[in-house]
């Protein structure tokens, strides 16, 4: 409260966001493997702090890329923990920002995460839209890993829709 009046609150919130962004990106590296459970629990414990960091990304006029990175890094957590609606909501808002429409790697990752969550919610049309844009960006950036994950998810969507002609 004291910082609010002093004009330092933005700086403090940005530091807080950056710390939790680093935590989420580190956790993402352990999305699979023997330490997954430890990282899932750590993120679950820090969920309120992560929500505060996400809120600052949304409120900060300079927070678009951080918001894309943070939501992309948390997509696996939301999927595994079953927080599909919450995750998709954050991802969608991050992607819809005018200043987040720049074709960056962070945008491609967020699109892939949003597509994956939409698919797991049974929202296949929305999933396909996210995944196809993400695939296009991954191809532009020659990101082979991103291309592979996007094609895998697009194949899952096509299979769920019995649209076998579209399975890549």
Protein backbone atom coordinates (compact mmCIF):
# COMPACT_ATOMS: atom_id res chain seq x y z
CA UNK A 1 0.00 0.00 0.00
CA UNK A 2 2.87 2.37 0.78
CA UNK A 3 4.40 1.71 -2.62
CA UNK A 4 1.09 2.48 -4.34
CA UNK A 5 1.29 6.09 -3.19
CA UNK A 6 4.99 6.43 -3.94
CA UNK A 7 4.71 5.54 -7.63
CA UNK A 8 6.90 2.43 -7.21
CA UNK A 9 4.08 -0.09 -7.53
CA UNK A 10 4.61 -0.63 -11.28
CA UNK A 11 8.27 -1.40 -10.76
CA UNK A 12 7.48 -3.84 -7.94
CA UNK A 13 4.75 -5.54 -9.98
CA UNK A 14 7.07 -5.85 -12.96
CA UNK A 15 9.77 -7.45 -10.80
CA UNK A 16 7.17 -9.81 -9.34
CA UNK A 17 5.93 -10.70 -12.85
CA UNK A 18 9.46 -11.28 -14.13
CA UNK A 19 10.31 -13.56 -11.21
CA UNK A 20 7.20 -15.69 -11.75
CA UNK A 21 7.74 -15.69 -15.51
CA UNK A 22 11.20 -17.16 -14.91
CA UNK A 23 9.71 -19.72 -12.52
CA UNK A 24 7.03 -20.75 -15.04
CA UNK A 25 9.54 -21.06 -17.87
CA UNK A 26 11.82 -23.17 -15.67
CA UNK A 27 8.87 -25.36 -14.68
CA UNK A 28 7.94 -25.78 -18.34
CA UNK A 29 11.31 -27.45 -18.92
CA UNK A 30 10.16 -30.15 -16.47
CA UNK A 31 6.70 -30.64 -18.00
CA UNK A 32 7.66 -34.22 -18.71
CA UNK A 33 10.12 -36.34 -16.84
CA UNK A 34 10.80 -37.43 -13.29
CA UNK A 35 10.50 -33.95 -11.72
CA UNK A 36 7.10 -33.13 -13.23
CA UNK A 37 5.22 -33.74 -9.96
CA UNK A 38 7.52 -31.46 -7.99
CA UNK A 39 7.05 -28.63 -10.49
CA UNK A 40 3.30 -29.15 -10.71
CA UNK A 41 3.06 -28.82 -6.94
CA UNK A 42 5.28 -25.76 -6.90
CA UNK A 43 3.13 -24.03 -9.52
CA UNK A 44 -0.03 -25.05 -7.68
CA UNK A 45 1.38 -23.56 -4.47
CA UNK A 46 2.22 -20.32 -6.30
CA UNK A 47 -1.08 -20.13 -8.16
CA UNK A 48 -2.19 -16.87 -6.51
CA UNK A 49 1.18 -15.26 -7.28
CA UNK A 50 0.96 -16.51 -10.87
CA UNK A 51 -2.51 -15.02 -11.19
CA UNK A 52 -1.18 -11.70 -9.85
CA UNK A 53 1.65 -11.82 -12.40
CA UNK A 54 -0.85 -12.58 -15.18
CA UNK A 55 -3.06 -9.71 -14.04
CA UNK A 56 -0.10 -7.35 -14.22
CA UNK A 57 0.73 -8.58 -17.72
CA UNK A 58 -2.82 -7.68 -18.72
CA UNK A 59 -2.77 -4.27 -17.00
CA UNK A 60 0.74 -3.18 -17.98
CA UNK A 61 0.89 -1.35 -21.30
CA UNK A 62 4.30 -2.97 -21.87
CA UNK A 63 3.19 -6.45 -20.77
CA UNK A 64 2.04 -8.08 -24.01
CA UNK A 65 5.11 -10.20 -24.73
CA UNK A 66 5.52 -11.14 -21.07
CA UNK A 67 1.88 -12.16 -21.05
CA UNK A 68 2.36 -14.36 -24.08
CA UNK A 69 5.45 -15.96 -22.59
CA UNK A 70 3.86 -16.53 -19.19
CA UNK A 71 0.63 -18.01 -20.54
CA UNK A 72 2.55 -20.22 -22.98
CA UNK A 73 4.78 -21.47 -20.17
CA UNK A 74 1.76 -22.30 -17.99
CA UNK A 75 -0.32 -24.05 -20.67
CA UNK A 76 1.00 -27.51 -19.78
CA UNK A 77 0.31 -26.89 -16.08
CA UNK A 78 -3.29 -25.85 -16.76
CA UNK A 79 -3.82 -28.89 -18.99
CA UNK A 80 -2.36 -31.44 -16.57
CA UNK A 81 -4.13 -29.96 -13.54
CA UNK A 82 -7.43 -29.68 -15.39
CA UNK A 83 -7.60 -25.87 -15.21
CA UNK A 84 -8.59 -25.79 -18.88
CA UNK A 85 -11.12 -22.95 -18.72
CA UNK A 86 -8.87 -20.71 -16.64
CA UNK A 87 -5.85 -21.36 -18.84
CA UNK A 88 -7.71 -20.86 -22.10
CA UNK A 89 -9.18 -17.63 -20.77
CA UNK A 90 -5.74 -16.23 -19.91
CA UNK A 91 -4.25 -17.40 -23.21
CA UNK A 92 -7.09 -15.95 -25.26
CA UNK A 93 -6.85 -12.55 -23.56
CA UNK A 94 -3.07 -12.50 -24.02
CA UNK A 95 -3.42 -13.37 -27.71
CA UNK A 96 -6.17 -10.82 -28.36
CA UNK A 97 -4.11 -7.82 -27.26
CA UNK A 98 -3.37 -5.56 -30.19
CA UNK A 99 0.29 -5.28 -29.17
CA UNK A 100 0.57 -9.09 -28.95
CA UNK A 101 -0.21 -9.67 -32.63
CA UNK A 102 3.44 -9.37 -33.66
CA UNK A 103 4.55 -12.73 -35.15
CA UNK A 104 6.97 -13.75 -32.39
CA UNK A 105 8.01 -17.07 -30.99
CA UNK A 106 6.09 -16.20 -27.82
CA UNK A 107 2.91 -15.72 -29.84
CA UNK A 108 3.43 -19.02 -31.64
CA UNK A 109 3.93 -20.83 -28.32
CA UNK A 110 0.83 -19.19 -26.82
CA UNK A 111 -1.22 -20.16 -29.88
CA UNK A 112 -0.06 -23.75 -29.58
CA UNK A 113 -0.94 -23.78 -25.87
CA UNK A 114 -4.35 -22.24 -26.53
CA UNK A 115 -5.03 -24.76 -29.28
CA UNK A 116 -4.09 -27.64 -27.03
CA UNK A 117 -6.32 -26.43 -24.18
CA UNK A 118 -9.22 -25.74 -26.56
CA UNK A 119 -8.86 -29.27 -27.94
CA UNK A 120 -8.95 -30.77 -24.44
CA UNK A 121 -12.11 -28.74 -23.76
CA UNK A 122 -13.70 -30.21 -26.89
CA UNK A 123 -13.66 -26.85 -28.67
CA UNK A 124 -12.20 -28.25 -31.87
CA UNK A 125 -13.03 -25.40 -34.24
CA UNK A 126 -11.34 -22.90 -31.93
CA UNK A 127 -8.44 -25.30 -31.40
CA UNK A 128 -7.90 -25.62 -35.16
CA UNK A 129 -7.88 -21.82 -35.57
CA UNK A 130 -5.26 -21.34 -32.86
CA UNK A 131 -3.13 -24.27 -34.03
CA UNK A 132 -3.14 -23.30 -37.71
CA UNK A 133 -1.97 -19.76 -36.93
CA UNK A 134 0.66 -21.15 -34.58
CA UNK A 135 1.84 -23.62 -37.24
CA UNK A 136 2.18 -20.79 -39.75
CA UNK A 137 4.34 -18.80 -37.30
CA UNK A 138 6.45 -21.83 -36.38
CA UNK A 139 7.06 -22.47 -40.09
CA UNK A 140 8.05 -18.83 -40.66
CA UNK A 141 10.52 -19.13 -37.79
CA UNK A 142 11.70 -22.58 -38.91
CA UNK A 143 10.96 -23.91 -35.42
CA UNK A 144 10.92 -27.64 -36.06
CA UNK A 145 9.83 -28.57 -32.56
CA UNK A 146 6.93 -26.10 -32.70
CA UNK A 147 5.96 -27.39 -36.14
CA UNK A 148 5.94 -30.97 -34.86
CA UNK A 149 3.77 -30.20 -31.83
CA UNK A 150 1.36 -28.13 -33.91
CA UNK A 151 1.00 -30.90 -36.49
CA UNK A 152 0.47 -33.46 -33.74
CA UNK A 153 -2.26 -31.35 -32.14
CA UNK A 154 -3.87 -30.56 -35.50
CA UNK A 155 -3.94 -34.29 -36.26
CA UNK A 156 -5.68 -34.90 -32.92
CA UNK A 157 -8.28 -32.25 -33.74
CA UNK A 158 -8.90 -33.70 -37.20
CA UNK A 159 -9.20 -37.21 -35.77
CA UNK A 160 -11.66 -36.02 -33.09
CA UNK A 161 -13.75 -34.47 -35.86
CA UNK A 162 -13.45 -37.60 -38.05
CA UNK A 163 -11.93 -35.35 -40.69
CA UNK A 164 -9.31 -37.88 -41.78
CA UNK A 165 -8.50 -36.02 -44.99
CA UNK A 166 -7.07 -33.17 -42.89
CA UNK A 167 -4.83 -35.33 -40.73
CA UNK A 168 -1.37 -34.04 -41.55
